[in-house]
N, C-alpha and C. Protein backbone atom coordinates (compact mmCIF):
# COMPACT_ATOMS: atom_id res chain seq x y z
N UNK A 1 7.12 66.13 -47.89
CA UNK A 1 7.74 64.87 -47.50
C UNK A 1 6.64 63.89 -47.12
N UNK A 2 6.70 62.71 -47.68
CA UNK A 2 5.82 61.62 -47.27
C UNK A 2 6.64 60.66 -46.43
N UNK A 3 6.21 60.45 -45.21
CA UNK A 3 6.93 59.61 -44.27
C UNK A 3 6.41 58.19 -44.34
N UNK A 4 7.32 57.24 -44.51
CA UNK A 4 6.98 55.82 -44.40
C UNK A 4 7.40 55.37 -43.01
N UNK A 5 6.53 54.63 -42.36
CA UNK A 5 6.83 54.06 -41.05
C UNK A 5 6.73 52.55 -41.18
N UNK A 6 7.82 51.89 -40.84
CA UNK A 6 7.81 50.43 -40.81
C UNK A 6 7.69 50.03 -39.34
N UNK A 7 6.57 49.41 -39.01
CA UNK A 7 6.34 49.00 -37.63
C UNK A 7 6.92 47.63 -37.37
N UNK A 8 7.58 47.50 -36.25
CA UNK A 8 8.12 46.21 -35.84
C UNK A 8 7.18 45.56 -34.84
N UNK A 9 7.69 44.57 -34.13
CA UNK A 9 6.89 43.89 -33.11
C UNK A 9 6.34 44.92 -32.13
N UNK A 10 5.04 44.86 -31.91
CA UNK A 10 4.40 45.79 -30.99
C UNK A 10 3.76 46.99 -31.66
N UNK A 11 4.08 47.25 -32.91
CA UNK A 11 3.46 48.36 -33.64
C UNK A 11 2.94 47.80 -34.96
N UNK A 12 1.70 47.32 -34.93
CA UNK A 12 1.12 46.66 -36.09
C UNK A 12 0.12 47.50 -36.85
N UNK A 13 -0.28 48.65 -36.29
CA UNK A 13 -1.19 49.54 -37.01
C UNK A 13 -1.11 50.93 -36.41
N UNK A 14 -1.45 51.92 -37.25
CA UNK A 14 -1.54 53.30 -36.81
C UNK A 14 -3.01 53.67 -36.81
N UNK A 15 -3.50 54.21 -35.72
CA UNK A 15 -4.93 54.54 -35.60
C UNK A 15 -5.36 55.58 -36.62
N UNK A 16 -4.46 56.45 -37.04
CA UNK A 16 -4.84 57.56 -37.92
C UNK A 16 -4.77 57.22 -39.41
N UNK A 17 -4.40 56.00 -39.76
CA UNK A 17 -4.42 55.66 -41.19
C UNK A 17 -5.86 55.43 -41.61
N UNK A 18 -6.20 55.89 -42.80
CA UNK A 18 -7.61 55.90 -43.22
C UNK A 18 -7.93 54.89 -44.30
N UNK A 19 -6.92 54.38 -44.97
CA UNK A 19 -7.21 53.41 -46.03
C UNK A 19 -6.02 52.49 -46.20
N UNK A 20 -6.26 51.39 -46.87
CA UNK A 20 -5.21 50.42 -47.14
C UNK A 20 -4.92 50.43 -48.63
N UNK A 21 -3.65 50.51 -48.98
CA UNK A 21 -3.25 50.44 -50.38
C UNK A 21 -3.56 49.05 -50.90
N UNK A 22 -3.86 48.96 -52.17
CA UNK A 22 -4.10 47.63 -52.76
C UNK A 22 -2.83 47.04 -53.35
N UNK A 23 -1.69 47.72 -53.14
CA UNK A 23 -0.42 47.26 -53.72
C UNK A 23 0.33 46.36 -52.75
N UNK A 24 0.78 45.23 -53.24
CA UNK A 24 1.63 44.34 -52.47
C UNK A 24 2.77 43.81 -53.34
N UNK A 25 2.49 43.55 -54.62
CA UNK A 25 3.48 42.96 -55.51
C UNK A 25 4.54 43.97 -55.93
N UNK A 26 5.78 43.49 -56.01
CA UNK A 26 6.92 44.31 -56.43
C UNK A 26 7.80 43.46 -57.33
N UNK A 27 8.79 44.07 -57.99
CA UNK A 27 9.75 43.28 -58.78
C UNK A 27 10.57 42.32 -57.92
N UNK A 28 10.53 42.51 -56.58
CA UNK A 28 11.30 41.68 -55.66
C UNK A 28 10.43 40.67 -54.93
N UNK A 29 9.19 40.50 -55.40
CA UNK A 29 8.25 39.61 -54.74
C UNK A 29 7.28 40.42 -53.91
N UNK A 30 6.43 39.73 -53.14
CA UNK A 30 5.42 40.46 -52.37
C UNK A 30 6.00 41.14 -51.14
N UNK A 31 5.43 42.31 -50.81
CA UNK A 31 5.76 42.99 -49.56
C UNK A 31 5.10 42.22 -48.41
N UNK A 32 5.43 42.57 -47.18
CA UNK A 32 4.91 41.87 -46.01
C UNK A 32 3.39 41.89 -45.94
N UNK A 33 2.79 43.00 -46.34
CA UNK A 33 1.34 43.16 -46.35
C UNK A 33 1.02 44.44 -47.11
N UNK A 34 -0.24 44.70 -47.34
CA UNK A 34 -0.64 45.95 -48.00
C UNK A 34 -0.45 47.10 -47.01
N UNK A 35 0.23 48.17 -47.42
CA UNK A 35 0.46 49.30 -46.52
C UNK A 35 -0.83 50.05 -46.20
N UNK A 36 -0.84 50.67 -45.04
CA UNK A 36 -1.92 51.55 -44.62
C UNK A 36 -1.49 52.98 -44.93
N UNK A 37 -2.43 53.80 -45.39
CA UNK A 37 -2.12 55.17 -45.81
C UNK A 37 -3.01 56.13 -45.04
N UNK A 38 -2.46 57.28 -44.65
CA UNK A 38 -3.26 58.27 -43.93
C UNK A 38 -2.49 59.55 -43.70
N UNK A 39 -3.00 60.36 -42.80
CA UNK A 39 -2.39 61.63 -42.44
C UNK A 39 -2.19 61.64 -40.93
N UNK A 40 -0.97 61.94 -40.50
CA UNK A 40 -0.63 62.05 -39.09
C UNK A 40 -0.06 63.43 -38.86
N UNK A 41 -0.69 64.19 -37.98
CA UNK A 41 -0.22 65.55 -37.67
C UNK A 41 -0.03 66.38 -38.94
N UNK A 42 -0.93 66.25 -39.89
CA UNK A 42 -0.87 67.04 -41.11
C UNK A 42 0.10 66.53 -42.16
N UNK A 43 0.74 65.39 -41.92
CA UNK A 43 1.70 64.84 -42.88
C UNK A 43 1.18 63.53 -43.47
N UNK A 44 1.43 63.33 -44.77
CA UNK A 44 1.09 62.07 -45.40
C UNK A 44 1.99 60.97 -44.84
N UNK A 45 1.37 59.85 -44.50
CA UNK A 45 2.10 58.73 -43.90
C UNK A 45 1.69 57.43 -44.59
N UNK A 46 2.68 56.59 -44.82
CA UNK A 46 2.46 55.24 -45.31
C UNK A 46 2.99 54.31 -44.23
N UNK A 47 2.16 53.42 -43.74
CA UNK A 47 2.55 52.53 -42.65
C UNK A 47 2.56 51.08 -43.13
N UNK A 48 3.65 50.37 -42.81
CA UNK A 48 3.78 48.97 -43.20
C UNK A 48 4.28 48.16 -42.01
N UNK A 49 3.49 47.23 -41.50
CA UNK A 49 4.00 46.35 -40.44
C UNK A 49 4.94 45.30 -41.04
N UNK A 50 6.20 45.35 -40.63
CA UNK A 50 7.23 44.52 -41.27
C UNK A 50 6.95 43.03 -41.14
N UNK A 51 6.31 42.60 -40.05
CA UNK A 51 6.04 41.18 -39.85
C UNK A 51 4.70 40.75 -40.44
N UNK A 52 4.05 41.64 -41.20
CA UNK A 52 2.78 41.32 -41.82
C UNK A 52 1.60 41.66 -40.93
N UNK A 53 0.42 41.49 -41.49
CA UNK A 53 -0.81 41.75 -40.76
C UNK A 53 -1.74 40.57 -40.99
N UNK A 54 -1.91 39.67 -40.05
CA UNK A 54 -1.41 39.71 -38.68
C UNK A 54 0.09 39.40 -38.60
N UNK A 55 0.66 39.62 -37.42
CA UNK A 55 2.08 39.42 -37.14
C UNK A 55 2.41 37.94 -37.37
N UNK A 56 3.05 37.60 -38.54
CA UNK A 56 3.24 36.20 -38.89
C UNK A 56 4.57 35.90 -39.57
N UNK A 57 5.34 36.91 -39.96
CA UNK A 57 6.57 36.66 -40.72
C UNK A 57 7.78 36.80 -39.80
N UNK A 58 8.57 35.74 -39.71
CA UNK A 58 9.78 35.77 -38.88
C UNK A 58 10.78 36.77 -39.46
N UNK A 59 11.63 37.37 -38.60
CA UNK A 59 12.56 38.40 -39.08
C UNK A 59 13.42 37.99 -40.26
N UNK A 60 13.91 36.74 -40.28
CA UNK A 60 14.79 36.31 -41.36
C UNK A 60 14.04 35.98 -42.64
N UNK A 61 12.70 35.99 -42.59
CA UNK A 61 11.91 35.71 -43.78
C UNK A 61 11.26 36.95 -44.37
N UNK A 62 11.47 38.10 -43.76
CA UNK A 62 10.88 39.34 -44.26
C UNK A 62 11.55 39.73 -45.57
N UNK A 63 10.75 40.10 -46.54
CA UNK A 63 11.28 40.52 -47.84
C UNK A 63 11.54 42.04 -47.77
N UNK A 64 12.67 42.40 -47.20
CA UNK A 64 13.00 43.81 -46.97
C UNK A 64 13.08 44.60 -48.27
N UNK A 65 13.65 44.00 -49.30
CA UNK A 65 13.76 44.72 -50.57
C UNK A 65 12.38 45.04 -51.13
N UNK A 66 11.45 44.12 -51.06
CA UNK A 66 10.09 44.37 -51.55
C UNK A 66 9.42 45.45 -50.72
N UNK A 67 9.56 45.39 -49.41
CA UNK A 67 8.95 46.39 -48.54
C UNK A 67 9.45 47.80 -48.88
N UNK A 68 10.76 47.94 -48.98
CA UNK A 68 11.33 49.26 -49.27
C UNK A 68 10.96 49.74 -50.66
N UNK A 69 11.01 48.84 -51.63
CA UNK A 69 10.65 49.22 -53.00
C UNK A 69 9.21 49.72 -53.05
N UNK A 70 8.29 49.01 -52.39
CA UNK A 70 6.88 49.39 -52.41
C UNK A 70 6.66 50.75 -51.74
N UNK A 71 7.29 50.98 -50.60
CA UNK A 71 7.13 52.27 -49.93
C UNK A 71 7.63 53.41 -50.81
N UNK A 72 8.76 53.22 -51.45
CA UNK A 72 9.29 54.25 -52.36
C UNK A 72 8.34 54.45 -53.54
N UNK A 73 7.83 53.37 -54.10
CA UNK A 73 6.92 53.44 -55.24
C UNK A 73 5.62 54.17 -54.88
N UNK A 74 5.21 54.07 -53.61
CA UNK A 74 3.99 54.75 -53.15
C UNK A 74 4.25 56.21 -52.78
N UNK A 75 5.50 56.66 -52.91
CA UNK A 75 5.81 58.07 -52.72
C UNK A 75 6.57 58.43 -51.46
N UNK A 76 7.01 57.45 -50.70
CA UNK A 76 7.76 57.75 -49.48
C UNK A 76 9.07 58.44 -49.80
N UNK A 77 9.37 59.50 -49.07
CA UNK A 77 10.64 60.21 -49.24
C UNK A 77 11.48 60.18 -47.97
N UNK A 78 10.92 59.68 -46.87
CA UNK A 78 11.64 59.52 -45.61
C UNK A 78 11.13 58.24 -44.96
N UNK A 79 11.97 57.61 -44.16
CA UNK A 79 11.62 56.33 -43.57
C UNK A 79 11.97 56.32 -42.09
N UNK A 80 11.03 55.85 -41.29
CA UNK A 80 11.24 55.63 -39.86
C UNK A 80 10.85 54.19 -39.58
N UNK A 81 11.72 53.43 -38.97
CA UNK A 81 11.42 52.03 -38.63
C UNK A 81 11.52 51.85 -37.13
N UNK A 82 10.57 51.12 -36.57
CA UNK A 82 10.60 50.85 -35.14
C UNK A 82 10.95 49.38 -34.94
N UNK A 83 11.48 49.09 -33.77
CA UNK A 83 11.71 47.70 -33.41
C UNK A 83 11.72 47.57 -31.89
N UNK A 84 11.53 46.38 -31.44
CA UNK A 84 11.58 46.08 -30.01
C UNK A 84 12.74 45.12 -29.82
N UNK A 85 13.81 45.62 -29.25
CA UNK A 85 15.02 44.80 -29.09
C UNK A 85 15.55 44.94 -27.68
N UNK A 86 16.45 44.06 -27.33
CA UNK A 86 17.12 44.15 -26.05
C UNK A 86 18.35 45.02 -26.15
N UNK A 87 19.01 45.23 -25.03
CA UNK A 87 20.23 46.04 -25.02
C UNK A 87 21.25 45.41 -24.10
N UNK A 88 22.51 45.54 -24.46
CA UNK A 88 23.57 45.12 -23.57
C UNK A 88 24.19 46.32 -22.86
N UNK A 89 23.60 47.50 -23.09
CA UNK A 89 24.06 48.71 -22.42
C UNK A 89 23.38 48.81 -21.05
N UNK A 90 24.17 48.84 -19.98
CA UNK A 90 23.60 48.90 -18.64
C UNK A 90 22.73 50.12 -18.41
N UNK A 91 23.00 51.20 -19.13
CA UNK A 91 22.25 52.44 -18.93
C UNK A 91 20.82 52.36 -19.47
N UNK A 92 20.56 51.40 -20.34
CA UNK A 92 19.23 51.30 -20.95
C UNK A 92 18.38 50.27 -20.22
N UNK A 93 17.10 50.64 -20.06
CA UNK A 93 16.13 49.76 -19.41
C UNK A 93 15.02 49.44 -20.40
N UNK A 94 14.27 48.37 -20.17
CA UNK A 94 13.12 48.10 -21.03
C UNK A 94 12.20 49.32 -21.11
N UNK A 95 11.78 49.64 -22.33
CA UNK A 95 10.91 50.80 -22.54
C UNK A 95 11.63 52.07 -22.91
N UNK A 96 12.96 52.11 -22.74
CA UNK A 96 13.73 53.29 -23.14
C UNK A 96 13.74 53.42 -24.65
N UNK A 97 14.02 54.62 -25.13
CA UNK A 97 14.05 54.91 -26.56
C UNK A 97 15.48 55.19 -26.98
N UNK A 98 15.92 54.53 -28.05
CA UNK A 98 17.25 54.77 -28.63
C UNK A 98 17.06 55.31 -30.04
N UNK A 99 17.65 56.45 -30.30
CA UNK A 99 17.69 57.01 -31.66
C UNK A 99 19.12 56.80 -32.14
N UNK A 100 19.37 55.69 -32.84
CA UNK A 100 20.75 55.32 -33.16
C UNK A 100 21.40 56.25 -34.19
N UNK A 101 22.72 56.30 -34.11
CA UNK A 101 23.48 57.08 -35.10
C UNK A 101 24.27 56.15 -36.03
N UNK A 102 24.36 54.87 -35.68
CA UNK A 102 25.18 53.95 -36.46
C UNK A 102 24.58 52.55 -36.37
N UNK A 103 24.95 51.69 -37.31
CA UNK A 103 24.45 50.32 -37.35
C UNK A 103 25.60 49.37 -37.64
N UNK A 104 25.53 48.20 -37.04
CA UNK A 104 26.41 47.09 -37.40
C UNK A 104 25.48 45.98 -37.87
N UNK A 105 25.59 45.62 -39.14
CA UNK A 105 24.68 44.67 -39.76
C UNK A 105 25.38 43.32 -39.91
N UNK A 106 24.97 42.37 -39.08
CA UNK A 106 25.52 41.02 -39.13
C UNK A 106 24.60 40.04 -39.86
N UNK A 107 23.59 40.53 -40.55
CA UNK A 107 22.62 39.63 -41.16
C UNK A 107 23.26 38.78 -42.24
N UNK A 108 22.64 37.65 -42.48
CA UNK A 108 23.11 36.72 -43.51
C UNK A 108 21.91 35.93 -44.01
N UNK A 109 22.08 35.30 -45.15
CA UNK A 109 21.05 34.42 -45.67
C UNK A 109 19.94 35.11 -46.44
N UNK A 110 20.13 36.37 -46.81
CA UNK A 110 19.12 37.06 -47.62
C UNK A 110 19.84 38.08 -48.50
N UNK A 111 19.14 38.55 -49.50
CA UNK A 111 19.70 39.58 -50.38
C UNK A 111 19.92 40.86 -49.57
N UNK A 112 21.02 41.53 -49.83
CA UNK A 112 21.37 42.74 -49.08
C UNK A 112 21.27 44.02 -49.90
N UNK A 113 21.06 43.91 -51.19
CA UNK A 113 21.18 45.10 -52.01
C UNK A 113 20.24 45.03 -53.21
N UNK A 114 19.97 46.18 -53.78
CA UNK A 114 19.29 46.26 -55.08
C UNK A 114 20.33 46.30 -56.20
N UNK A 115 21.56 46.60 -55.85
CA UNK A 115 22.62 46.89 -56.81
C UNK A 115 23.45 45.66 -57.11
N UNK A 116 22.83 44.62 -57.71
CA UNK A 116 23.59 43.42 -57.99
C UNK A 116 23.72 43.14 -59.49
N UNK A 117 23.47 44.16 -60.29
CA UNK A 117 23.66 44.03 -61.74
C UNK A 117 24.48 45.22 -62.23
N UNK A 118 24.96 45.11 -63.44
CA UNK A 118 25.77 46.16 -64.05
C UNK A 118 24.89 47.31 -64.47
N UNK A 119 25.24 48.56 -64.32
CA UNK A 119 26.46 48.99 -63.66
C UNK A 119 26.30 48.95 -62.14
N UNK A 120 27.35 48.48 -61.47
CA UNK A 120 27.32 48.41 -60.01
C UNK A 120 27.36 49.80 -59.41
N UNK A 121 26.62 49.99 -58.35
CA UNK A 121 26.63 51.26 -57.62
C UNK A 121 26.93 50.95 -56.16
N UNK A 122 27.68 51.82 -55.52
CA UNK A 122 28.03 51.66 -54.12
C UNK A 122 27.40 52.81 -53.33
N UNK A 123 26.79 52.45 -52.22
CA UNK A 123 26.11 53.43 -51.38
C UNK A 123 26.98 53.71 -50.17
N UNK A 124 27.17 54.99 -49.86
CA UNK A 124 27.93 55.38 -48.67
C UNK A 124 27.10 55.02 -47.44
N UNK A 125 27.62 54.14 -46.61
CA UNK A 125 26.91 53.69 -45.42
C UNK A 125 27.61 54.17 -44.16
N UNK A 126 28.52 55.14 -44.29
CA UNK A 126 29.26 55.61 -43.13
C UNK A 126 28.39 56.39 -42.16
N UNK A 127 27.31 56.98 -42.64
CA UNK A 127 26.33 57.67 -41.78
C UNK A 127 24.94 57.21 -42.23
N UNK A 128 24.51 56.03 -41.79
CA UNK A 128 23.30 55.43 -42.34
C UNK A 128 21.99 56.10 -41.93
N UNK A 129 21.99 56.87 -40.87
CA UNK A 129 20.77 57.49 -40.39
C UNK A 129 20.78 58.98 -40.69
N UNK A 130 19.66 59.51 -41.14
CA UNK A 130 19.51 60.91 -41.53
C UNK A 130 19.58 61.81 -40.30
N UNK A 131 20.59 62.67 -40.22
CA UNK A 131 20.78 63.52 -39.04
C UNK A 131 19.60 64.46 -38.78
N UNK A 132 19.06 65.15 -39.79
CA UNK A 132 17.90 66.02 -39.50
C UNK A 132 16.69 65.25 -38.98
N UNK A 133 16.44 64.05 -39.50
CA UNK A 133 15.33 63.25 -39.01
C UNK A 133 15.60 62.80 -37.58
N UNK A 134 16.83 62.42 -37.27
CA UNK A 134 17.19 62.05 -35.89
C UNK A 134 16.98 63.23 -34.95
N UNK A 135 17.35 64.43 -35.39
CA UNK A 135 17.15 65.63 -34.55
C UNK A 135 15.67 65.87 -34.30
N UNK A 136 14.85 65.69 -35.32
CA UNK A 136 13.40 65.90 -35.15
C UNK A 136 12.80 64.84 -34.23
N UNK A 137 13.27 63.60 -34.33
CA UNK A 137 12.79 62.56 -33.44
C UNK A 137 13.16 62.87 -31.99
N UNK A 138 14.37 63.31 -31.77
CA UNK A 138 14.81 63.66 -30.42
C UNK A 138 13.98 64.80 -29.87
N UNK A 139 13.78 65.85 -30.67
CA UNK A 139 12.99 67.00 -30.21
C UNK A 139 11.55 66.57 -29.88
N UNK A 140 10.96 65.72 -30.71
CA UNK A 140 9.59 65.26 -30.46
C UNK A 140 9.53 64.43 -29.18
N UNK A 141 10.52 63.57 -28.97
CA UNK A 141 10.54 62.75 -27.76
C UNK A 141 10.65 63.62 -26.51
N UNK A 142 11.49 64.65 -26.58
CA UNK A 142 11.63 65.55 -25.44
C UNK A 142 10.35 66.36 -25.21
N UNK A 143 9.74 66.81 -26.28
CA UNK A 143 8.50 67.59 -26.18
C UNK A 143 7.36 66.76 -25.58
N UNK A 144 7.32 65.48 -25.90
CA UNK A 144 6.28 64.60 -25.37
C UNK A 144 6.49 64.23 -23.91
N UNK A 145 7.68 64.51 -23.39
CA UNK A 145 8.02 64.17 -22.01
C UNK A 145 7.70 62.70 -21.72
N UNK A 146 8.26 61.85 -22.54
CA UNK A 146 8.03 60.43 -22.41
C UNK A 146 8.45 59.92 -21.04
N UNK A 147 7.77 58.92 -20.56
CA UNK A 147 8.07 58.34 -19.26
C UNK A 147 9.16 57.28 -19.40
N UNK A 148 10.28 57.70 -19.97
CA UNK A 148 11.42 56.81 -20.17
C UNK A 148 12.64 57.66 -20.49
N UNK A 149 13.77 57.03 -20.57
CA UNK A 149 14.97 57.74 -21.00
C UNK A 149 15.04 57.71 -22.52
N UNK A 150 15.55 58.80 -23.09
CA UNK A 150 15.73 58.90 -24.54
C UNK A 150 17.22 59.03 -24.80
N UNK A 151 17.76 58.08 -25.54
CA UNK A 151 19.18 58.08 -25.87
C UNK A 151 19.34 58.57 -27.31
N UNK A 152 20.13 59.62 -27.47
CA UNK A 152 20.29 60.27 -28.77
C UNK A 152 21.48 59.74 -29.55
N UNK A 153 22.14 58.74 -29.03
CA UNK A 153 23.31 58.21 -29.70
C UNK A 153 23.46 56.75 -29.31
N UNK A 154 23.77 55.93 -30.27
CA UNK A 154 23.97 54.53 -29.97
C UNK A 154 24.15 53.75 -31.26
N UNK A 155 24.58 52.53 -31.11
CA UNK A 155 24.80 51.67 -32.25
C UNK A 155 23.77 50.55 -32.20
N UNK A 156 23.07 50.38 -33.31
CA UNK A 156 22.10 49.30 -33.43
C UNK A 156 22.80 48.14 -34.11
N UNK A 157 22.85 47.00 -33.45
CA UNK A 157 23.46 45.81 -34.02
C UNK A 157 22.39 44.79 -34.33
N UNK A 158 22.39 44.27 -35.54
CA UNK A 158 21.36 43.30 -35.89
C UNK A 158 21.97 42.08 -36.53
N UNK A 159 21.38 40.94 -36.19
CA UNK A 159 21.79 39.69 -36.80
C UNK A 159 20.56 38.81 -36.91
N UNK A 160 20.03 38.68 -38.09
CA UNK A 160 18.88 37.80 -38.29
C UNK A 160 19.41 36.40 -38.57
N UNK A 161 18.77 35.34 -38.17
CA UNK A 161 17.43 35.31 -37.61
C UNK A 161 17.37 35.47 -36.10
N UNK A 162 18.47 35.74 -35.44
CA UNK A 162 18.40 35.95 -33.99
C UNK A 162 17.93 37.36 -33.69
N UNK A 163 17.65 37.61 -32.42
CA UNK A 163 17.19 38.93 -32.01
C UNK A 163 18.28 39.98 -32.22
N UNK A 164 17.84 41.19 -32.44
CA UNK A 164 18.75 42.31 -32.58
C UNK A 164 19.03 42.90 -31.21
N UNK A 165 20.12 43.62 -31.12
CA UNK A 165 20.46 44.28 -29.85
C UNK A 165 20.88 45.71 -30.10
N UNK A 166 20.54 46.55 -29.18
CA UNK A 166 21.07 47.91 -29.19
C UNK A 166 22.26 47.94 -28.25
N UNK A 167 23.36 48.44 -28.68
CA UNK A 167 24.52 48.45 -27.80
C UNK A 167 25.27 49.76 -27.95
N UNK A 168 26.11 50.03 -26.98
CA UNK A 168 26.87 51.26 -26.88
C UNK A 168 25.96 52.48 -26.91
N UNK A 169 24.91 52.43 -26.13
CA UNK A 169 24.02 53.58 -26.01
C UNK A 169 24.69 54.62 -25.13
N UNK A 170 24.71 55.85 -25.58
CA UNK A 170 25.34 56.92 -24.83
C UNK A 170 24.47 58.17 -24.89
N UNK A 171 24.85 59.15 -24.13
CA UNK A 171 24.25 60.49 -24.19
C UNK A 171 22.76 60.49 -23.91
N UNK A 172 22.40 60.05 -22.72
CA UNK A 172 21.00 60.13 -22.32
C UNK A 172 20.58 61.60 -22.35
N UNK A 173 19.47 61.89 -23.02
CA UNK A 173 19.06 63.27 -23.20
C UNK A 173 17.86 63.64 -22.36
N UNK A 174 17.12 62.64 -21.88
CA UNK A 174 15.91 62.94 -21.13
C UNK A 174 15.60 61.78 -20.23
N UNK A 175 15.12 62.04 -19.08
CA UNK A 175 14.62 61.01 -18.20
C UNK A 175 13.48 61.59 -17.41
N UNK A 176 12.34 60.95 -17.48
CA UNK A 176 11.15 61.47 -16.80
C UNK A 176 11.24 61.26 -15.32
C-alpha cells in the first residue's frame, strides 16, 4: 500500500520525505504543487500540501480533482487528509483529533466529480471513510498517547469557501 497524505493548513511538509516529484500537470489542470515522496515507518508515502507550497491557494480555489488524479497516478492506494477546522461540538477542544465516520458536503462552485461523461458512473458515498484505515488511525493515536482527546466518530461538514466544521463528535476514546 502506498499512502498519500494531503496536508491542510498547518501541515505543509513531512520531514521524512526525501525527494520531490516533478509531476504537477494532470488532465484536470495543475495540482496544488509537486508532491513530496519518501518512506515513513517503512511505508511508501506521497505527500501533497493542498494549499500549495508555500501556503497560497484558498480552499475554494484548490483543484481537488487534479490533486487526487496526480496522487493516484503516482501510485497511491490509500489516502489520508488532514485539516484544521473548528467544531460546534461542546465536547471537542482546540487540538483534539476527530477521525470522522461521515461527511456532509455543502461545497459549491467547483467540479464535484470525474464522472461527468458517458457512461455515467455512480459512487456509493454512504460510508465515505475506509473503516480499516480509521481503525488503524485510532489505534495509532491511542498508542502515541497524544496530549488531547481522540474522537473515533463524528461528522465532518464542509462548505467552501467558508471554513469547515466538525460536528456531532461522539465516542471520545482517549484523553491524556
